[in-house]
PDB file of N, CA and C in Angstrom:
ATOM      1  N   MET A   1      16.331   4.216  -0.077  1.00  0.00           N
ATOM      2  CA  MET A   1      15.122   5.051  -0.070  1.00  0.00           C
ATOM      3  C   MET A   1      14.121   4.535  -1.100  1.00  0.00           C
ATOM      4  N   ALA A   2      14.622   4.056  -2.218  1.00  0.00           N
ATOM      5  CA  ALA A   2      13.724   3.513  -3.257  1.00  0.00           C
ATOM      6  C   ALA A   2      12.936   2.334  -2.696  1.00  0.00           C
ATOM      7  N   LYS A   3      13.635   1.512  -1.915  1.00  0.00           N
ATOM      8  CA  LYS A   3      12.958   0.337  -1.334  1.00  0.00           C
ATOM      9  C   LYS A   3      11.817   0.773  -0.419  1.00  0.00           C
ATOM     10  N   ALA A   4      12.105   1.734   0.429  1.00  0.00           N
ATOM     11  CA  ALA A   4      11.082   2.216   1.367  1.00  0.00           C
ATOM     12  C   ALA A   4       9.883   2.756   0.595  1.00  0.00           C
ATOM     13  N   SER A   5      10.165   3.480  -0.497  1.00  0.00           N
ATOM     14  CA  SER A   5       9.071   4.039  -1.297  1.00  0.00           C
ATOM     15  C   SER A   5       8.223   2.918  -1.879  1.00  0.00           C
ATOM     16  N   LYS A   6       8.904   1.883  -2.366  1.00  0.00           N
ATOM     17  CA  LYS A   6       8.180   0.757  -2.973  1.00  0.00           C
ATOM     18  C   LYS A   6       7.297   0.072  -1.930  1.00  0.00           C
ATOM     19  N   VAL A   7       7.860  -0.167  -0.760  1.00  0.00           N
ATOM     20  CA  VAL A   7       7.096  -0.821   0.316  1.00  0.00           C
ATOM     21  C   VAL A   7       5.906   0.040   0.697  1.00  0.00           C
ATOM     22  N   HIS A   8       6.148   1.348   0.794  1.00  0.00           N
ATOM     23  CA  HIS A   8       5.065   2.257   1.181  1.00  0.00           C
ATOM     24  C   HIS A   8       3.954   2.212   0.136  1.00  0.00           C
ATOM     25  N   ALA A   9       4.340   2.184  -1.131  1.00  0.00           N
ATOM     26  CA  ALA A   9       3.350   2.140  -2.218  1.00  0.00           C
ATOM     27  C   ALA A   9       2.553   0.850  -2.138  1.00  0.00           C
ATOM     28  N   GLU A  10       3.243  -0.263  -1.873  1.00  0.00           N
ATOM     29  CA  GLU A  10       2.553  -1.562  -1.785  1.00  0.00           C
ATOM     30  C   GLU A  10       1.568  -1.550  -0.618  1.00  0.00           C
ATOM     31  N   ASN A  11       1.999  -0.981   0.500  1.00  0.00           N
ATOM     32  CA  ASN A  11       1.110  -0.932   1.676  1.00  0.00           C
ATOM     33  C   ASN A  11      -0.118  -0.085   1.357  1.00  0.00           C
ATOM     34  N   ARG A  12       0.110   0.997   0.633  1.00  0.00           N
ATOM     35  CA  ARG A  12      -1.011   1.880   0.282  1.00  0.00           C
ATOM     36  C   ARG A  12      -1.993   1.135  -0.623  1.00  0.00           C
ATOM     37  N   VAL A  13      -1.454   0.410  -1.593  1.00  0.00           N
ATOM     38  CA  VAL A  13      -2.309  -0.348  -2.511  1.00  0.00           C
ATOM     39  C   VAL A  13      -3.090  -1.386  -1.726  1.00  0.00           C
ATOM     40  N   ARG A  14      -2.416  -2.010  -0.778  1.00  0.00           N
ATOM     41  CA  ARG A  14      -3.070  -3.049   0.037  1.00  0.00           C
ATOM     42  C   ARG A  14      -4.241  -2.432   0.819  1.00  0.00           C
ATOM     43  N   ILE A  15      -3.991  -1.265   1.413  1.00  0.00           N
ATOM     44  CA  ILE A  15      -5.032  -0.589   2.200  1.00  0.00           C
ATOM     45  C   ILE A  15      -6.206  -0.214   1.298  1.00  0.00           C
ATOM     46  N   LEU A  16      -5.892   0.304   0.101  1.00  0.00           N
ATOM     47  CA  LEU A  16      -6.958   0.693  -0.833  1.00  0.00           C
ATOM     48  C   LEU A  16      -7.752  -0.532  -1.251  1.00  0.00           C
ATOM     49  N   ALA A  17      -7.078  -1.651  -1.392  1.00  0.00           N
ATOM     50  CA  ALA A  17      -7.754  -2.882  -1.814  1.00  0.00           C
ATOM     51  C   ALA A  17      -8.661  -3.389  -0.697  1.00  0.00           C
ATOM     52  N   LEU A  18      -8.263  -3.152   0.545  1.00  0.00           N
ATOM     53  CA  LEU A  18      -9.065  -3.628   1.681  1.00  0.00           C
ATOM     54  C   LEU A  18     -10.196  -2.652   2.026  1.00  0.00           C
ATOM     55  N   SER A  19     -10.038  -1.402   1.636  1.00  0.00           N
ATOM     56  CA  SER A  19     -11.050  -0.383   1.957  1.00  0.00           C
ATOM     57  C   SER A  19     -12.463  -0.817   1.566  1.00  0.00           C
ATOM     58  N   PRO A  20     -12.693  -1.302   0.332  1.00  0.00           N
ATOM     59  CA  PRO A  20     -14.035  -1.713  -0.085  1.00  0.00           C
ATOM     60  C   PRO A  20     -14.627  -2.770   0.855  1.00  0.00           C
ATOM     61  N   SER A  21     -13.782  -3.627   1.395  1.00  0.00           N
ATOM     62  CA  SER A  21     -14.265  -4.683   2.292  1.00  0.00           C
ATOM     63  C   SER A  21     -14.867  -4.065   3.549  1.00  0.00           C
ATOM     64  N   LEU A  22     -14.281  -2.933   3.974  1.00  0.00           N
ATOM     65  CA  LEU A  22     -14.763  -2.294   5.188  1.00  0.00           C
ATOM     66  C   LEU A  22     -16.054  -1.560   4.864  1.00  0.00           C
TER      67      LEU A  22
END
């Protein structure tokens, strides 16, 4: 479960980082 949480957090950070580009 910890792994899934970490992956989810990374994906969220990635999306937030791409948001400004949009």
